[in-house]
């Protein structure tokens, strides 16, 4: 149902764009460019509704109806895609969350987890202490704000 309604919506959108682009403006003469209305009424010339103006009205009404229907159907289905920030915040199942630690001072040690492998087969994870060295380049790491 949603796919069919989406296809109809896209067709109506394309039709509406084409019909609007085919129409000519109301004050397309030279006097209209300078604000002169001549002997016309206050709100511009009022001619009979052409086929293009009727098609525009119908297409606009269909566009609004399909837009509202698709919006309501999406809201009721409850299928929303999570944002990238929400995806990044969720923990990966089976992976331990690292504890928030203060950065170690140079000369100290920090624990890291390594998984040794031999012959392409992963071994058991082990935690080892690694010494902290000062930045050899002398540059400060980029800090995210």
C-alpha atoms as a PDB file:
ATOM      1  CA  UNK A   1       0.000   0.000   0.000  1.00  0.00           C
ATOM      2  CA  UNK A   2       2.790   2.404   0.920  1.00  0.00           C
ATOM      3  CA  UNK A   3       4.705   1.555  -2.247  1.00  0.00           C
ATOM      4  CA  UNK A   4       1.653   2.178  -4.432  1.00  0.00           C
ATOM      5  CA  UNK A   5       0.934   5.469  -2.691  1.00  0.00           C
ATOM      6  CA  UNK A   6       4.569   6.529  -3.052  1.00  0.00           C
ATOM      7  CA  UNK A   7       4.505   5.784  -6.782  1.00  0.00           C
ATOM      8  CA  UNK A   8       1.303   7.820  -7.181  1.00  0.00           C
ATOM      9  CA  UNK A   9       2.872  10.640  -5.148  1.00  0.00           C
ATOM     10  CA  UNK A  10       5.957  10.775  -7.386  1.00  0.00           C
ATOM     11  CA  UNK A  11       3.824  10.780 -10.549  1.00  0.00           C
ATOM     12  CA  UNK A  12       1.678  13.611  -9.166  1.00  0.00           C
ATOM     13  CA  UNK A  13       4.818  15.567  -8.242  1.00  0.00           C
ATOM     14  CA  UNK A  14       6.263  15.275 -11.741  1.00  0.00           C
ATOM     15  CA  UNK A  15       2.909  16.182 -13.310  1.00  0.00           C
ATOM     16  CA  UNK A  16       2.566  19.215 -11.031  1.00  0.00           C
ATOM     17  CA  UNK A  17       6.027  20.477 -11.934  1.00  0.00           C
ATOM     18  CA  UNK A  18       5.351  20.115 -15.663  1.00  0.00           C
ATOM     19  CA  UNK A  19       1.935  21.814 -15.495  1.00  0.00           C
ATOM     20  CA  UNK A  20       3.271  24.765 -13.470  1.00  0.00           C
ATOM     21  CA  UNK A  21       6.187  25.253 -15.845  1.00  0.00           C
ATOM     22  CA  UNK A  22       3.896  25.225 -18.898  1.00  0.00           C
ATOM     23  CA  UNK A  23       1.782  28.112 -17.643  1.00  0.00           C
ATOM     24  CA  UNK A  24       2.556  31.702 -18.582  1.00  0.00           C
ATOM     25  CA  UNK A  25       2.632  34.442 -15.986  1.00  0.00           C
ATOM     26  CA  UNK A  26      -0.354  36.762 -15.550  1.00  0.00           C
ATOM     27  CA  UNK A  27       1.391  40.103 -16.123  1.00  0.00           C
ATOM     28  CA  UNK A  28       3.803  38.977 -18.805  1.00  0.00           C
ATOM     29  CA  UNK A  29       3.651  42.188 -20.868  1.00  0.00           C
ATOM     30  CA  UNK A  30       6.058  45.105 -20.611  1.00  0.00           C
ATOM     31  CA  UNK A  31       3.735  47.253 -18.471  1.00  0.00           C
ATOM     32  CA  UNK A  32       3.640  44.496 -15.834  1.00  0.00           C
ATOM     33  CA  UNK A  33       7.407  44.689 -15.437  1.00  0.00           C
ATOM     34  CA  UNK A  34       7.169  48.328 -14.301  1.00  0.00           C
ATOM     35  CA  UNK A  35       4.152  47.858 -12.069  1.00  0.00           C
ATOM     36  CA  UNK A  36       1.628  49.391 -14.456  1.00  0.00           C
ATOM     37  CA  UNK A  37      -1.709  47.651 -14.542  1.00  0.00           C
ATOM     38  CA  UNK A  38      -3.334  49.763 -17.238  1.00  0.00           C
ATOM     39  CA  UNK A  39      -7.074  49.414 -17.297  1.00  0.00           C
ATOM     40  CA  UNK A  40      -7.021  46.091 -15.481  1.00  0.00           C
ATOM     41  CA  UNK A  41      -8.543  45.436 -12.109  1.00  0.00           C
ATOM     42  CA  UNK A  42      -6.697  45.832  -8.815  1.00  0.00           C
ATOM     43  CA  UNK A  43      -5.788  42.159  -8.505  1.00  0.00           C
ATOM     44  CA  UNK A  44      -4.824  41.582 -12.147  1.00  0.00           C
ATOM     45  CA  UNK A  45      -6.729  40.224 -15.101  1.00  0.00           C
ATOM     46  CA  UNK A  46      -9.393  37.710 -14.302  1.00  0.00           C
ATOM     47  CA  UNK A  47      -9.945  35.390 -17.198  1.00  0.00           C
ATOM     48  CA  UNK A  48     -11.738  32.108 -17.373  1.00  0.00           C
ATOM     49  CA  UNK A  49      -9.935  29.175 -15.840  1.00  0.00           C
ATOM     50  CA  UNK A  50      -7.881  27.387 -18.462  1.00  0.00           C
ATOM     51  CA  UNK A  51      -7.246  23.684 -18.655  1.00  0.00           C
ATOM     52  CA  UNK A  52      -3.758  24.203 -17.247  1.00  0.00           C
ATOM     53  CA  UNK A  53      -5.003  26.118 -14.213  1.00  0.00           C
ATOM     54  CA  UNK A  54      -7.606  23.439 -13.478  1.00  0.00           C
ATOM     55  CA  UNK A  55      -4.955  20.727 -13.857  1.00  0.00           C
ATOM     56  CA  UNK A  56      -2.695  22.664 -11.468  1.00  0.00           C
ATOM     57  CA  UNK A  57      -5.451  22.889  -8.864  1.00  0.00           C
ATOM     58  CA  UNK A  58      -6.254  19.170  -9.102  1.00  0.00           C
ATOM     59  CA  UNK A  59      -2.569  18.165  -9.035  1.00  0.00           C
ATOM     60  CA  UNK A  60      -1.906  20.393  -6.014  1.00  0.00           C
ATOM     61  CA  UNK A  61      -4.861  18.879  -4.148  1.00  0.00           C
ATOM     62  CA  UNK A  62      -3.681  15.340  -4.980  1.00  0.00           C
ATOM     63  CA  UNK A  63      -0.143  16.236  -3.924  1.00  0.00           C
ATOM     64  CA  UNK A  64      -1.346  17.445  -0.519  1.00  0.00           C
ATOM     65  CA  UNK A  65      -3.581  14.417  -0.010  1.00  0.00           C
ATOM     66  CA  UNK A  66      -0.834  11.922  -0.860  1.00  0.00           C
ATOM     67  CA  UNK A  67       1.677  13.828   1.279  1.00  0.00           C
ATOM     68  CA  UNK A  68      -0.612  13.803   4.305  1.00  0.00           C
ATOM     69  CA  UNK A  69      -1.529  10.155   3.804  1.00  0.00           C
ATOM     70  CA  UNK A  70       2.114   9.071   3.514  1.00  0.00           C
ATOM     71  CA  UNK A  71       3.004  11.098   6.597  1.00  0.00           C
ATOM     72  CA  UNK A  72       0.186   9.607   8.656  1.00  0.00           C
ATOM     73  CA  UNK A  73       1.008   6.065   7.508  1.00  0.00           C
ATOM     74  CA  UNK A  74       4.683   6.509   8.384  1.00  0.00           C
ATOM     75  CA  UNK A  75       3.789   7.910  11.804  1.00  0.00           C
ATOM     76  CA  UNK A  76       1.410   5.072  12.633  1.00  0.00           C
ATOM     77  CA  UNK A  77       3.824   2.402  11.452  1.00  0.00           C
ATOM     78  CA  UNK A  78       6.423   3.725  13.878  1.00  0.00           C
ATOM     79  CA  UNK A  79       9.306   2.766  11.616  1.00  0.00           C
ATOM     80  CA  UNK A  80      11.727   5.594  12.045  1.00  0.00           C
ATOM     81  CA  UNK A  81      15.377   5.340  11.216  1.00  0.00           C
ATOM     82  CA  UNK A  82      17.604   6.253  14.133  1.00  0.00           C
ATOM     83  CA  UNK A  83      20.024   9.093  13.638  1.00  0.00           C
ATOM     84  CA  UNK A  84      23.733   8.473  13.379  1.00  0.00           C
ATOM     85  CA  UNK A  85      24.271   9.805  16.878  1.00  0.00           C
ATOM     86  CA  UNK A  86      21.798   7.304  18.324  1.00  0.00           C
ATOM     87  CA  UNK A  87      23.459   4.469  16.409  1.00  0.00           C
ATOM     88  CA  UNK A  88      26.883   5.424  17.751  1.00  0.00           C
ATOM     89  CA  UNK A  89      25.619   5.683  21.327  1.00  0.00           C
ATOM     90  CA  UNK A  90      24.207   2.152  21.412  1.00  0.00           C
ATOM     91  CA  UNK A  91      26.613  -0.506  22.714  1.00  0.00           C
ATOM     92  CA  UNK A  92      27.530  -3.398  20.494  1.00  0.00           C
ATOM     93  CA  UNK A  93      26.161  -6.653  21.925  1.00  0.00           C
ATOM     94  CA  UNK A  94      28.850  -8.886  23.400  1.00  0.00           C
ATOM     95  CA  UNK A  95      31.399  -6.103  23.698  1.00  0.00           C
ATOM     96  CA  UNK A  96      32.382  -4.735  27.085  1.00  0.00           C
ATOM     97  CA  UNK A  97      32.093  -1.005  27.497  1.00  0.00           C
ATOM     98  CA  UNK A  98      35.354   0.709  28.406  1.00  0.00           C
ATOM     99  CA  UNK A  99      35.372   2.499  31.714  1.00  0.00           C
ATOM    100  CA  UNK A 100      35.838   6.255  31.633  1.00  0.00           C
ATOM    101  CA  UNK A 101      39.395   6.836  32.752  1.00  0.00           C
ATOM    102  CA  UNK A 102      41.507   9.882  33.259  1.00  0.00           C
ATOM    103  CA  UNK A 103      44.318  10.176  30.726  1.00  0.00           C
ATOM    104  CA  UNK A 104      47.507   8.704  32.081  1.00  0.00           C
ATOM    105  CA  UNK A 105      50.499  10.948  32.614  1.00  0.00           C
ATOM    106  CA  UNK A 106      53.598  10.317  30.520  1.00  0.00           C
ATOM    107  CA  UNK A 107      55.815   7.751  32.184  1.00  0.00           C
ATOM    108  CA  UNK A 108      52.864   5.766  33.609  1.00  0.00           C
ATOM    109  CA  UNK A 109      51.187   2.666  32.189  1.00  0.00           C
ATOM    110  CA  UNK A 110      47.732   1.963  30.814  1.00  0.00           C
ATOM    111  CA  UNK A 111      46.019  -1.397  30.291  1.00  0.00           C
ATOM    112  CA  UNK A 112      45.069  -2.465  26.762  1.00  0.00           C
ATOM    113  CA  UNK A 113      43.406  -5.630  25.529  1.00  0.00           C
ATOM    114  CA  UNK A 114      45.168  -7.607  22.797  1.00  0.00           C
ATOM    115  CA  UNK A 115      44.178 -10.773  20.984  1.00  0.00           C
ATOM    116  CA  UNK A 116      47.221 -12.697  19.808  1.00  0.00           C
ATOM    117  CA  UNK A 117      46.834 -14.891  16.763  1.00  0.00           C
ATOM    118  CA  UNK A 118      48.911 -17.685  15.351  1.00  0.00           C
ATOM    119  CA  UNK A 119      48.448 -19.317  11.974  1.00  0.00           C
ATOM    120  CA  UNK A 120      45.379 -17.147  11.304  1.00  0.00           C
ATOM    121  CA  UNK A 121      43.547 -18.483  14.378  1.00  0.00           C
ATOM    122  CA  UNK A 122      42.654 -15.886  17.012  1.00  0.00           C
ATOM    123  CA  UNK A 123      43.848 -16.607  20.513  1.00  0.00           C
ATOM    124  CA  UNK A 124      42.337 -15.642  23.818  1.00  0.00           C
ATOM    125  CA  UNK A 125      42.204 -11.921  24.614  1.00  0.00           C
ATOM    126  CA  UNK A 126      44.696 -10.736  27.222  1.00  0.00           C
ATOM    127  CA  UNK A 127      45.172  -7.464  29.012  1.00  0.00           C
ATOM    128  CA  UNK A 128      48.679  -6.033  29.157  1.00  0.00           C
ATOM    129  CA  UNK A 129      50.179  -2.857  30.614  1.00  0.00           C
ATOM    130  CA  UNK A 130      51.687  -0.457  28.086  1.00  0.00           C
ATOM    131  CA  UNK A 131      53.889   2.508  29.000  1.00  0.00           C
ATOM    132  CA  UNK A 132      52.631   5.986  28.117  1.00  0.00           C
ATOM    133  CA  UNK A 133      55.100   8.097  26.162  1.00  0.00           C
ATOM    134  CA  UNK A 134      54.957  11.777  25.457  1.00  0.00           C
ATOM    135  CA  UNK A 135      53.818  12.858  21.982  1.00  0.00           C
ATOM    136  CA  UNK A 136      56.955  12.399  19.824  1.00  0.00           C
ATOM    137  CA  UNK A 137      55.840  15.097  17.345  1.00  0.00           C
ATOM    138  CA  UNK A 138      55.230  17.650  20.057  1.00  0.00           C
ATOM    139  CA  UNK A 139      51.742  18.419  18.700  1.00  0.00           C
ATOM    140  CA  UNK A 140      48.625  18.338  20.803  1.00  0.00           C
ATOM    141  CA  UNK A 141      46.017  15.809  19.669  1.00  0.00           C
ATOM    142  CA  UNK A 142      42.868  17.187  18.093  1.00  0.00           C
ATOM    143  CA  UNK A 143      40.200  17.772  20.688  1.00  0.00           C
ATOM    144  CA  UNK A 144      36.554  17.576  19.656  1.00  0.00           C
ATOM    145  CA  UNK A 145      34.336  20.294  21.024  1.00  0.00           C
END
